[in-house]
Full PDB file with SEQRES, HELIX, SHEET, SSBOND, CRYST1, ORIGX, SCALE, CONECT and MASTER records, all heavy atoms in Angstrom:
SEQRES   1 A   38  SER TRP LYS LYS LYS MET LYS MET ILE PHE TYR TRP ILE          
SEQRES   2 A   38  LYS SER ALA ARG LYS LEU THR ILE CYS PRO PRO LYS CYS          
SEQRES   3 A   38  ARG GLU VAL PHE ILE LEU SER LYS VAL ASP GLY LEU              
HELIX    1 AA1 TRP A    2  LEU A   19  1                                  18    
HELIX    2 AA2 PRO A   24  PHE A   30  1                                   7    
HELIX    3 AA3 ILE A   31  VAL A   35  3                                   5    
CRYST1    1.000    1.000    1.000  90.00  90.00  90.00 P 1           1          
ORIGX1      1.000000  0.000000  0.000000        0.00000                         
ORIGX2      0.000000  1.000000  0.000000        0.00000                         
ORIGX3      0.000000  0.000000  1.000000        0.00000                         
SCALE1      1.000000  0.000000  0.000000        0.00000                         
SCALE2      0.000000  1.000000  0.000000        0.00000                         
SCALE3      0.000000  0.000000  1.000000        0.00000                         
ATOM      1  N   SER A   1      14.321  39.625-157.512  1.00  0.00           N  
ATOM      2  CA  SER A   1      13.112  40.157-156.877  1.00  0.00           C  
ATOM      3  C   SER A   1      11.866  39.734-157.653  1.00  0.00           C  
ATOM      4  O   SER A   1      11.927  39.398-158.837  1.00  0.00           O  
ATOM      5  CB  SER A   1      13.181  41.680-156.800  1.00  0.00           C  
ATOM      6  OG  SER A   1      13.011  42.250-158.079  1.00  0.00           O  
ATOM      7  N   TRP A   2      10.733  39.817-156.958  1.00  0.00           N  
ATOM      8  CA  TRP A   2       9.459  39.473-157.569  1.00  0.00           C  
ATOM      9  C   TRP A   2       9.184  40.378-158.764  1.00  0.00           C  
ATOM     10  O   TRP A   2       8.712  39.924-159.810  1.00  0.00           O  
ATOM     11  CB  TRP A   2       8.355  39.621-156.509  1.00  0.00           C  
ATOM     12  CG  TRP A   2       7.010  39.249-157.013  1.00  0.00           C  
ATOM     13  CD1 TRP A   2       6.478  37.992-157.076  1.00  0.00           C  
ATOM     14  CD2 TRP A   2       6.013  40.126-157.553  1.00  0.00           C  
ATOM     15  NE1 TRP A   2       5.221  38.037-157.610  1.00  0.00           N  
ATOM     16  CE2 TRP A   2       4.909  39.345-157.921  1.00  0.00           C  
ATOM     17  CE3 TRP A   2       5.953  41.494-157.765  1.00  0.00           C  
ATOM     18  CZ2 TRP A   2       3.763  39.884-158.485  1.00  0.00           C  
ATOM     19  CZ3 TRP A   2       4.805  42.037-158.331  1.00  0.00           C  
ATOM     20  CH2 TRP A   2       3.733  41.223-158.672  1.00  0.00           C  
ATOM     21  N   LYS A   3       9.499  41.656-158.632  1.00  0.00           N  
ATOM     22  CA  LYS A   3       9.259  42.623-159.697  1.00  0.00           C  
ATOM     23  C   LYS A   3      10.069  42.269-160.949  1.00  0.00           C  
ATOM     24  O   LYS A   3       9.559  42.324-162.072  1.00  0.00           O  
ATOM     25  CB  LYS A   3       9.609  44.033-159.212  1.00  0.00           C  
ATOM     26  CG  LYS A   3       9.197  45.128-160.150  1.00  0.00           C  
ATOM     27  CD  LYS A   3       9.450  46.495-159.533  1.00  0.00           C  
ATOM     28  CE  LYS A   3       9.012  47.593-160.467  1.00  0.00           C  
ATOM     29  NZ  LYS A   3       9.198  48.921-159.884  1.00  0.00           N  
ATOM     30  N   LYS A   4      11.329  41.904-160.750  1.00  0.00           N  
ATOM     31  CA  LYS A   4      12.173  41.531-161.893  1.00  0.00           C  
ATOM     32  C   LYS A   4      11.662  40.254-162.554  1.00  0.00           C  
ATOM     33  O   LYS A   4      11.673  40.132-163.778  1.00  0.00           O  
ATOM     34  CB  LYS A   4      13.625  41.347-161.454  1.00  0.00           C  
ATOM     35  CG  LYS A   4      14.346  42.644-161.229  1.00  0.00           C  
ATOM     36  CD  LYS A   4      15.809  42.424-160.939  1.00  0.00           C  
ATOM     37  CE  LYS A   4      16.513  43.759-160.735  1.00  0.00           C  
ATOM     38  NZ  LYS A   4      17.940  43.599-160.511  1.00  0.00           N  
ATOM     39  N   LYS A   5      11.213  39.305-161.736  1.00  0.00           N  
ATOM     40  CA  LYS A   5      10.663  38.061-162.285  1.00  0.00           C  
ATOM     41  C   LYS A   5       9.430  38.345-163.130  1.00  0.00           C  
ATOM     42  O   LYS A   5       9.261  37.787-164.209  1.00  0.00           O  
ATOM     43  CB  LYS A   5      10.308  37.088-161.157  1.00  0.00           C  
ATOM     44  CG  LYS A   5      11.503  36.450-160.514  1.00  0.00           C  
ATOM     45  CD  LYS A   5      11.085  35.496-159.429  1.00  0.00           C  
ATOM     46  CE  LYS A   5      12.302  34.938-158.707  1.00  0.00           C  
ATOM     47  NZ  LYS A   5      11.921  34.055-157.608  1.00  0.00           N  
ATOM     48  N   MET A   6       8.561  39.226-162.655  1.00  0.00           N  
ATOM     49  CA  MET A   6       7.354  39.572-163.402  1.00  0.00           C  
ATOM     50  C   MET A   6       7.703  40.266-164.715  1.00  0.00           C  
ATOM     51  O   MET A   6       7.098  39.991-165.751  1.00  0.00           O  
ATOM     52  CB  MET A   6       6.424  40.454-162.566  1.00  0.00           C  
ATOM     53  CG  MET A   6       5.778  39.728-161.405  1.00  0.00           C  
ATOM     54  SD  MET A   6       4.908  38.222-161.893  1.00  0.00           S  
ATOM     55  CE  MET A   6       3.601  38.888-162.893  1.00  0.00           C  
ATOM     56  N   LYS A   7       8.695  41.139-164.689  1.00  0.00           N  
ATOM     57  CA  LYS A   7       9.131  41.807-165.924  1.00  0.00           C  
ATOM     58  C   LYS A   7       9.633  40.779-166.933  1.00  0.00           C  
ATOM     59  O   LYS A   7       9.341  40.870-168.127  1.00  0.00           O  
ATOM     60  CB  LYS A   7      10.223  42.834-165.628  1.00  0.00           C  
ATOM     61  CG  LYS A   7       9.711  44.137-165.112  1.00  0.00           C  
ATOM     62  CD  LYS A   7      10.849  45.149-165.002  1.00  0.00           C  
ATOM     63  CE  LYS A   7      10.325  46.508-164.612  1.00  0.00           C  
ATOM     64  NZ  LYS A   7      11.388  47.511-164.595  1.00  0.00           N  
ATOM     65  N   MET A   8      10.401  39.809-166.451  1.00  0.00           N  
ATOM     66  CA  MET A   8      10.914  38.766-167.336  1.00  0.00           C  
ATOM     67  C   MET A   8       9.770  37.950-167.929  1.00  0.00           C  
ATOM     68  O   MET A   8       9.777  37.637-169.114  1.00  0.00           O  
ATOM     69  CB  MET A   8      11.878  37.839-166.591  1.00  0.00           C  
ATOM     70  CG  MET A   8      13.247  38.433-166.398  1.00  0.00           C  
ATOM     71  SD  MET A   8      14.376  37.316-165.565  1.00  0.00           S  
ATOM     72  CE  MET A   8      14.440  35.957-166.692  1.00  0.00           C  
ATOM     73  N   ILE A   9       8.797  37.616-167.104  1.00  0.00           N  
ATOM     74  CA  ILE A   9       7.658  36.831-167.580  1.00  0.00           C  
ATOM     75  C   ILE A   9       6.909  37.605-168.663  1.00  0.00           C  
ATOM     76  O   ILE A   9       6.586  37.055-169.718  1.00  0.00           O  
ATOM     77  CB  ILE A   9       6.725  36.461-166.410  1.00  0.00           C  
ATOM     78  CG1 ILE A   9       7.413  35.417-165.508  1.00  0.00           C  
ATOM     79  CG2 ILE A   9       5.381  35.940-166.925  1.00  0.00           C  
ATOM     80  CD1 ILE A   9       6.715  35.179-164.191  1.00  0.00           C  
ATOM     81  N   PHE A  10       6.633  38.881-168.422  1.00  0.00           N  
ATOM     82  CA  PHE A  10       5.933  39.693-169.420  1.00  0.00           C  
ATOM     83  C   PHE A  10       6.750  39.832-170.691  1.00  0.00           C  
ATOM     84  O   PHE A  10       6.214  39.800-171.796  1.00  0.00           O  
ATOM     85  CB  PHE A  10       5.574  41.068-168.863  1.00  0.00           C  
ATOM     86  CG  PHE A  10       4.424  41.030-167.902  1.00  0.00           C  
ATOM     87  CD1 PHE A  10       4.561  41.567-166.635  1.00  0.00           C  
ATOM     88  CD2 PHE A  10       3.218  40.459-168.248  1.00  0.00           C  
ATOM     89  CE1 PHE A  10       3.507  41.531-165.735  1.00  0.00           C  
ATOM     90  CE2 PHE A  10       2.150  40.414-167.367  1.00  0.00           C  
ATOM     91  CZ  PHE A  10       2.296  40.955-166.102  1.00  0.00           C  
ATOM     92  N   TYR A  11       8.069  39.965-170.561  1.00  0.00           N  
ATOM     93  CA  TYR A  11       8.939  40.053-171.723  1.00  0.00           C  
ATOM     94  C   TYR A  11       8.832  38.785-172.563  1.00  0.00           C  
ATOM     95  O   TYR A  11       8.697  38.842-173.787  1.00  0.00           O  
ATOM     96  CB  TYR A  11      10.386  40.298-171.303  1.00  0.00           C  
ATOM     97  CG  TYR A  11      11.347  40.256-172.452  1.00  0.00           C  
ATOM     98  CD1 TYR A  11      11.485  41.343-173.301  1.00  0.00           C  
ATOM     99  CD2 TYR A  11      12.091  39.113-172.722  1.00  0.00           C  
ATOM    100  CE1 TYR A  11      12.343  41.306-174.387  1.00  0.00           C  
ATOM    101  CE2 TYR A  11      12.950  39.064-173.799  1.00  0.00           C  
ATOM    102  CZ  TYR A  11      13.071  40.158-174.626  1.00  0.00           C  
ATOM    103  OH  TYR A  11      13.921  40.100-175.701  1.00  0.00           O  
ATOM    104  N   TRP A  12       8.879  37.618-171.908  1.00  0.00           N  
ATOM    105  CA  TRP A  12       8.812  36.346-172.639  1.00  0.00           C  
ATOM    106  C   TRP A  12       7.442  36.138-173.266  1.00  0.00           C  
ATOM    107  O   TRP A  12       7.323  35.584-174.351  1.00  0.00           O  
ATOM    108  CB  TRP A  12       9.200  35.171-171.740  1.00  0.00           C  
ATOM    109  CG  TRP A  12      10.682  35.085-171.618  1.00  0.00           C  
ATOM    110  CD1 TRP A  12      11.442  35.387-170.535  1.00  0.00           C  
ATOM    111  CD2 TRP A  12      11.613  34.718-172.644  1.00  0.00           C  
ATOM    112  NE1 TRP A  12      12.775  35.232-170.824  1.00  0.00           N  
ATOM    113  CE2 TRP A  12      12.909  34.819-172.104  1.00  0.00           C  
ATOM    114  CE3 TRP A  12      11.474  34.318-173.968  1.00  0.00           C  
ATOM    115  CZ2 TRP A  12      14.048  34.527-172.841  1.00  0.00           C  
ATOM    116  CZ3 TRP A  12      12.613  34.031-174.698  1.00  0.00           C  
ATOM    117  CH2 TRP A  12      13.887  34.139-174.133  1.00  0.00           C  
ATOM    118  N   ILE A  13       6.390  36.605-172.599  1.00  0.00           N  
ATOM    119  CA  ILE A  13       5.052  36.502-173.193  1.00  0.00           C  
ATOM    120  C   ILE A  13       4.981  37.351-174.457  1.00  0.00           C  
ATOM    121  O   ILE A  13       4.491  36.900-175.499  1.00  0.00           O  
ATOM    122  CB  ILE A  13       3.959  36.923-172.184  1.00  0.00           C  
ATOM    123  CG1 ILE A  13       3.838  35.862-171.088  1.00  0.00           C  
ATOM    124  CG2 ILE A  13       2.618  37.133-172.878  1.00  0.00           C  
ATOM    125  CD1 ILE A  13       2.975  36.273-169.918  1.00  0.00           C  
ATOM    126  N   LYS A  14       5.480  38.578-174.391  1.00  0.00           N  
ATOM    127  CA  LYS A  14       5.508  39.446-175.573  1.00  0.00           C  
ATOM    128  C   LYS A  14       6.352  38.817-176.674  1.00  0.00           C  
ATOM    129  O   LYS A  14       5.971  38.829-177.847  1.00  0.00           O  
ATOM    130  CB  LYS A  14       6.067  40.821-175.222  1.00  0.00           C  
ATOM    131  CG  LYS A  14       5.136  41.680-174.431  1.00  0.00           C  
ATOM    132  CD  LYS A  14       5.808  43.028-174.145  1.00  0.00           C  
ATOM    133  CE  LYS A  14       4.981  43.888-173.241  1.00  0.00           C  
ATOM    134  NZ  LYS A  14       5.656  45.168-172.950  1.00  0.00           N  
ATOM    135  N   SER A  15       7.499  38.254-176.294  1.00  0.00           N  
ATOM    136  CA  SER A  15       8.383  37.620-177.270  1.00  0.00           C  
ATOM    137  C   SER A  15       7.685  36.445-177.940  1.00  0.00           C  
ATOM    138  O   SER A  15       7.795  36.256-179.150  1.00  0.00           O  
ATOM    139  CB  SER A  15       9.665  37.128-176.598  1.00  0.00           C  
ATOM    140  OG  SER A  15      10.418  38.209-176.118  1.00  0.00           O  
ATOM    141  N   ALA A  16       6.968  35.663-177.156  1.00  0.00           N  
ATOM    142  CA  ALA A  16       6.281  34.495-177.701  1.00  0.00           C  
ATOM    143  C   ALA A  16       5.228  34.918-178.720  1.00  0.00           C  
ATOM    144  O   ALA A  16       5.076  34.281-179.766  1.00  0.00           O  
ATOM    145  CB  ALA A  16       5.640  33.694-176.577  1.00  0.00           C  
ATOM    146  N   ARG A  17       4.526  35.999-178.449  1.00  0.00           N  
ATOM    147  CA  ARG A  17       3.529  36.502-179.402  1.00  0.00           C  
ATOM    148  C   ARG A  17       4.201  36.947-180.691  1.00  0.00           C  
ATOM    149  O   ARG A  17       3.695  36.692-181.779  1.00  0.00           O  
ATOM    150  CB  ARG A  17       2.757  37.662-178.794  1.00  0.00           C  
ATOM    151  CG  ARG A  17       1.795  37.239-177.729  1.00  0.00           C  
ATOM    152  CD  ARG A  17       1.016  38.415-177.219  1.00  0.00           C  
ATOM    153  NE  ARG A  17       0.157  38.015-176.114  1.00  0.00           N  
ATOM    154  CZ  ARG A  17      -0.248  38.814-175.171  1.00  0.00           C  
ATOM    155  NH1 ARG A  17       0.127  40.085-175.174  1.00  0.00           N  
ATOM    156  NH2 ARG A  17      -1.023  38.383-174.202  1.00  0.00           N  
ATOM    157  N   LYS A  18       5.321  37.608-180.566  1.00  0.00           N  
ATOM    158  CA  LYS A  18       6.036  38.085-181.750  1.00  0.00           C  
ATOM    159  C   LYS A  18       6.677  36.924-182.510  1.00  0.00           C  
ATOM    160  O   LYS A  18       6.896  37.020-183.711  1.00  0.00           O  
ATOM    161  CB  LYS A  18       7.127  39.096-181.367  1.00  0.00           C  
ATOM    162  CG  LYS A  18       6.637  40.282-180.580  1.00  0.00           C  
ATOM    163  CD  LYS A  18       5.586  41.068-181.303  1.00  0.00           C  
ATOM    164  CE  LYS A  18       5.158  42.257-180.468  1.00  0.00           C  
ATOM    165  NZ  LYS A  18       4.001  42.933-180.963  1.00  0.00           N  
ATOM    166  N   LEU A  19       6.958  35.861-181.816  1.00  0.00           N  
ATOM    167  CA  LEU A  19       7.603  34.695-182.428  1.00  0.00           C  
ATOM    168  C   LEU A  19       6.732  34.088-183.527  1.00  0.00           C  
ATOM    169  O   LEU A  19       7.246  33.491-184.459  1.00  0.00           O  
ATOM    170  CB  LEU A  19       7.915  33.660-181.348  1.00  0.00           C  
ATOM    171  CG  LEU A  19       8.789  32.490-181.687  1.00  0.00           C  
ATOM    172  CD1 LEU A  19      10.144  32.970-182.201  1.00  0.00           C  
ATOM    173  CD2 LEU A  19       8.987  31.604-180.479  1.00  0.00           C  
ATOM    174  N   THR A  20       5.429  34.287-183.443  1.00  0.00           N  
ATOM    175  CA  THR A  20       4.534  33.709-184.448  1.00  0.00           C  
ATOM    176  C   THR A  20       4.764  34.296-185.840  1.00  0.00           C  
ATOM    177  O   THR A  20       4.376  33.676-186.827  1.00  0.00           O  
ATOM    178  CB  THR A  20       3.051  33.901-184.057  1.00  0.00           C  
ATOM    179  OG1 THR A  20       2.772  35.300-183.971  1.00  0.00           O  
ATOM    180  CG2 THR A  20       2.732  33.218-182.743  1.00  0.00           C  
ATOM    181  N   ILE A  21       5.396  35.483-185.923  1.00  0.00           N  
ATOM    182  CA  ILE A  21       5.651  36.069-187.242  1.00  0.00           C  
ATOM    183  C   ILE A  21       6.973  35.592-187.843  1.00  0.00           C  
ATOM    184  O   ILE A  21       7.268  35.900-188.988  1.00  0.00           O  
ATOM    185  CB  ILE A  21       5.606  37.614-187.206  1.00  0.00           C  
ATOM    186  CG1 ILE A  21       6.691  38.193-186.305  1.00  0.00           C  
ATOM    187  CG2 ILE A  21       4.226  38.104-186.803  1.00  0.00           C  
ATOM    188  CD1 ILE A  21       6.768  39.714-186.316  1.00  0.00           C  
ATOM    189  N   CYS A  22       7.749  34.835-187.078  1.00  0.00           N  
ATOM    190  CA  CYS A  22       9.015  34.294-187.582  1.00  0.00           C  
ATOM    191  C   CYS A  22       8.747  33.122-188.520  1.00  0.00           C  
ATOM    192  O   CYS A  22       7.763  32.400-188.358  1.00  0.00           O  
ATOM    193  CB  CYS A  22       9.879  33.790-186.418  1.00  0.00           C  
ATOM    194  SG  CYS A  22      10.560  35.079-185.395  1.00  0.00           S  
ATOM    195  N   PRO A  23       9.634  32.913-189.482  1.00  0.00           N  
ATOM    196  CA  PRO A  23       9.525  31.716-190.326  1.00  0.00           C  
ATOM    197  C   PRO A  23       9.571  30.458-189.454  1.00  0.00           C  
ATOM    198  O   PRO A  23      10.192  30.461-188.385  1.00  0.00           O  
ATOM    199  CB  PRO A  23      10.753  31.801-191.231  1.00  0.00           C  
ATOM    200  CG  PRO A  23      11.139  33.242-191.231  1.00  0.00           C  
ATOM    201  CD  PRO A  23      10.767  33.764-189.875  1.00  0.00           C  
ATOM    202  N   PRO A  24       8.935  29.387-189.894  1.00  0.00           N  
ATOM    203  CA  PRO A  24       8.835  28.170-189.072  1.00  0.00           C  
ATOM    204  C   PRO A  24      10.165  27.626-188.545  1.00  0.00           C  
ATOM    205  O   PRO A  24      10.267  27.259-187.377  1.00  0.00           O  
ATOM    206  CB  PRO A  24       8.165  27.158-190.008  1.00  0.00           C  
ATOM    207  CG  PRO A  24       7.426  27.989-190.999  1.00  0.00           C  
ATOM    208  CD  PRO A  24       8.215  29.255-191.159  1.00  0.00           C  
ATOM    209  N   LYS A  25      11.185  27.590-189.379  1.00  0.00           N  
ATOM    210  CA  LYS A  25      12.467  27.025-188.928  1.00  0.00           C  
ATOM    211  C   LYS A  25      13.120  27.927-187.885  1.00  0.00           C  
ATOM    212  O   LYS A  25      13.688  27.445-186.908  1.00  0.00           O  
ATOM    213  CB  LYS A  25      13.404  26.799-190.121  1.00  0.00           C  
ATOM    214  CG  LYS A  25      14.620  25.964-189.803  1.00  0.00           C  
ATOM    215  CD  LYS A  25      14.292  24.578-189.254  1.00  0.00           C  
ATOM    216  CE  LYS A  25      13.922  23.623-190.330  1.00  0.00           C  
ATOM    217  NZ  LYS A  25      13.797  22.239-189.876  1.00  0.00           N  
ATOM    218  N   CYS A  26      13.042  29.230-188.072  1.00  0.00           N  
ATOM    219  CA  CYS A  26      13.573  30.168-187.067  1.00  0.00           C  
ATOM    220  C   CYS A  26      12.850  29.976-185.740  1.00  0.00           C  
ATOM    221  O   CYS A  26      13.466  29.967-184.677  1.00  0.00           O  
ATOM    222  CB  CYS A  26      13.400  31.612-187.524  1.00  0.00           C  
ATOM    223  SG  CYS A  26      14.460  32.093-188.887  1.00  0.00           S  
ATOM    224  N   ARG A  27      11.538  29.855-185.813  1.00  0.00           N  
ATOM    225  CA  ARG A  27      10.727  29.656-184.615  1.00  0.00           C  
ATOM    226  C   ARG A  27      11.121  28.363-183.904  1.00  0.00           C  
ATOM    227  O   ARG A  27      11.298  28.329-182.692  1.00  0.00           O  
ATOM    228  CB  ARG A  27       9.242  29.653-185.005  1.00  0.00           C  
ATOM    229  CG  ARG A  27       8.306  29.550-183.842  1.00  0.00           C  
ATOM    230  CD  ARG A  27       6.843  29.777-184.221  1.00  0.00           C  
ATOM    231  NE  ARG A  27       6.400  29.046-185.389  1.00  0.00           N  
ATOM    232  CZ  ARG A  27       5.996  29.608-186.522  1.00  0.00           C  
ATOM    233  NH1 ARG A  27       5.994  30.910-186.663  1.00  0.00           N  
ATOM    234  NH2 ARG A  27       5.592  28.861-187.527  1.00  0.00           N  
ATOM    235  N   GLU A  28      11.287  27.296-184.672  1.00  0.00           N  
ATOM    236  CA  GLU A  28      11.668  26.006-184.104  1.00  0.00           C  
ATOM    237  C   GLU A  28      13.024  26.083-183.401  1.00  0.00           C  
ATOM    238  O   GLU A  28      13.186  25.610-182.272  1.00  0.00           O  
ATOM    239  CB  GLU A  28      11.708  24.938-185.206  1.00  0.00           C  
ATOM    240  CG  GLU A  28      12.062  23.561-184.708  1.00  0.00           C  
ATOM    241  CD  GLU A  28      12.085  22.523-185.813  1.00  0.00           C  
ATOM    242  OE1 GLU A  28      12.132  22.895-187.021  1.00  0.00           O  
ATOM    243  OE2 GLU A  28      12.071  21.332-185.478  1.00  0.00           O  
ATOM    244  N   VAL A  29      13.998  26.698-184.062  1.00  0.00           N  
ATOM    245  CA  VAL A  29      15.335  26.833-183.491  1.00  0.00           C  
ATOM    246  C   VAL A  29      15.292  27.689-182.219  1.00  0.00           C  
ATOM    247  O   VAL A  29      15.899  27.350-181.203  1.00  0.00           O  
ATOM    248  CB  VAL A  29      16.322  27.428-184.529  1.00  0.00           C  
ATOM    249  CG1 VAL A  29      17.617  27.851-183.882  1.00  0.00           C  
ATOM    250  CG2 VAL A  29      16.577  26.421-185.648  1.00  0.00           C  
ATOM    251  N   PHE A  30      14.543  28.790-182.266  1.00  0.00           N  
ATOM    252  CA  PHE A  30      14.424  29.668-181.096  1.00  0.00           C  
ATOM    253  C   PHE A  30      13.832  28.903-179.911  1.00  0.00           C  
ATOM    254  O   PHE A  30      14.342  28.993-178.791  1.00  0.00           O  
ATOM    255  CB  PHE A  30      13.547  30.873-181.450  1.00  0.00           C  
ATOM    256  CG  PHE A  30      13.434  31.869-180.345  1.00  0.00           C  
ATOM    257  CD1 PHE A  30      14.364  32.884-180.219  1.00  0.00           C  
ATOM    258  CD2 PHE A  30      12.399  31.804-179.420  1.00  0.00           C  
ATOM    259  CE1 PHE A  30      14.273  33.819-179.193  1.00  0.00           C  
ATOM    260  CE2 PHE A  30      12.291  32.729-178.390  1.00  0.00           C  
ATOM    261  CZ  PHE A  30      13.233  33.733-178.283  1.00  0.00           C  
ATOM    262  N   ILE A  31      12.787  28.153-180.143  1.00  0.00           N  
ATOM    263  CA  ILE A  31      12.140  27.390-179.064  1.00  0.00           C  
ATOM    264  C   ILE A  31      13.077  26.323-178.512  1.00  0.00           C  
ATOM    265  O   ILE A  31      13.178  26.158-177.290  1.00  0.00           O  
ATOM    266  CB  ILE A  31      10.813  26.778-179.556  1.00  0.00           C  
ATOM    267  CG1 ILE A  31       9.801  27.905-179.781  1.00  0.00           C  
ATOM    268  CG2 ILE A  31      10.270  25.744-178.571  1.00  0.00           C  
ATOM    269  CD1 ILE A  31       8.546  27.490-180.506  1.00  0.00           C  
ATOM    270  N   LEU A  32      13.750  25.613-179.384  1.00  0.00           N  
ATOM    271  CA  LEU A  32      14.688  24.589-178.917  1.00  0.00           C  
ATOM    272  C   LEU A  32      15.796  25.200-178.070  1.00  0.00           C  
ATOM    273  O   LEU A  32      16.237  24.607-177.082  1.00  0.00           O  
ATOM    274  CB  LEU A  32      15.287  23.828-180.103  1.00  0.00           C  
ATOM    275  CG  LEU A  32      14.341  22.872-180.827  1.00  0.00           C  
ATOM    276  CD1 LEU A  32      14.975  22.365-182.114  1.00  0.00           C  
ATOM    277  CD2 LEU A  32      13.946  21.709-179.932  1.00  0.00           C  
ATOM    278  N   SER A  33      16.228  26.396-178.428  1.00  0.00           N  
ATOM    279  CA  SER A  33      17.292  27.052-177.685  1.00  0.00           C  
ATOM    280  C   SER A  33      16.792  27.676-176.388  1.00  0.00           C  
ATOM    281  O   SER A  33      17.301  27.381-175.306  1.00  0.00           O  
ATOM    282  CB  SER A  33      17.943  28.129-178.560  1.00  0.00           C  
ATOM    283  OG  SER A  33      18.893  28.860-177.830  1.00  0.00           O  
ATOM    284  N   LYS A  34      15.787  28.533-176.493  1.00  0.00           N  
ATOM    285  CA  LYS A  34      15.368  29.334-175.340  1.00  0.00           C  
ATOM    286  C   LYS A  34      14.401  28.618-174.404  1.00  0.00           C  
ATOM    287  O   LYS A  34      14.422  28.854-173.208  1.00  0.00           O  
ATOM    288  CB  LYS A  34      14.740  30.651-175.815  1.00  0.00           C  
ATOM    289  CG  LYS A  34      15.684  31.520-176.607  1.00  0.00           C  
ATOM    290  CD  LYS A  34      16.879  31.928-175.774  1.00  0.00           C  
ATOM    291  CE  LYS A  34      17.796  32.857-176.545  1.00  0.00           C  
ATOM    292  NZ  LYS A  34      19.001  33.177-175.816  1.00  0.00           N  
ATOM    293  N   VAL A  35      13.560  27.767-174.934  1.00  0.00           N  
ATOM    294  CA  VAL A  35      12.575  27.069-174.089  1.00  0.00           C  
ATOM    295  C   VAL A  35      13.127  25.738-173.613  1.00  0.00           C  
ATOM    296  O   VAL A  35      13.101  25.428-172.422  1.00  0.00           O  
ATOM    297  CB  VAL A  35      11.241  26.884-174.842  1.00  0.00           C  
ATOM    298  CG1 VAL A  35      10.244  26.098-173.999  1.00  0.00           C  
ATOM    299  CG2 VAL A  35      10.657  28.240-175.238  1.00  0.00           C  
ATOM    300  N   ASP A  36      13.642  24.948-174.558  1.00  0.00           N  
ATOM    301  CA  ASP A  36      14.156  23.623-174.202  1.00  0.00           C  
ATOM    302  C   ASP A  36      15.574  23.666-173.645  1.00  0.00           C  
ATOM    303  O   ASP A  36      16.045  22.694-173.080  1.00  0.00           O  
ATOM    304  CB  ASP A  36      14.102  22.683-175.406  1.00  0.00           C  
ATOM    305  CG  ASP A  36      12.673  22.411-175.870  1.00  0.00           C  
ATOM    306  OD1 ASP A  36      11.736  22.673-175.084  1.00  0.00           O  
ATOM    307  OD2 ASP A  36      12.490  21.943-177.005  1.00  0.00           O  
ATOM    308  N   GLY A  37      16.260  24.777-173.857  1.00  0.00           N  
ATOM    309  CA  GLY A  37      17.590  24.945-173.292  1.00  0.00           C  
ATOM    310  C   GLY A  37      18.701  24.179-173.990  1.00  0.00           C  
ATOM    311  O   GLY A  37      19.759  23.948-173.405  1.00  0.00           O  
ATOM    312  N   LEU A  38      18.476  23.813-175.252  1.00  0.00           N  
ATOM    313  CA  LEU A  38      19.506  23.081-175.991  1.00  0.00           C  
ATOM    314  C   LEU A  38      20.589  24.031-176.483  1.00  0.00           C  
ATOM    315  O   LEU A  38      20.331  25.193-176.776  1.00  0.00           O  
ATOM    316  CB  LEU A  38      18.890  22.355-177.191  1.00  0.00           C  
ATOM    317  CG  LEU A  38      17.853  21.275-176.890  1.00  0.00           C  
ATOM    318  CD1 LEU A  38      17.335  20.676-178.197  1.00  0.00           C  
ATOM    319  CD2 LEU A  38      18.409  20.199-175.990  1.00  0.00           C  
TER     320      LEU A  38                                                      
MASTER        0    0    0    3    0    0    0    6  319    1    0    3          
END                                                                             
């Protein structure tokens, strides 16, 4: 549903903001996994 999609989008936006406090290598690995899908 549209509502569920919006919740997911907001969740990922919040996650992305919090990701900036992660150490660089953790951040890189997270992005490669969750964003790039590796």
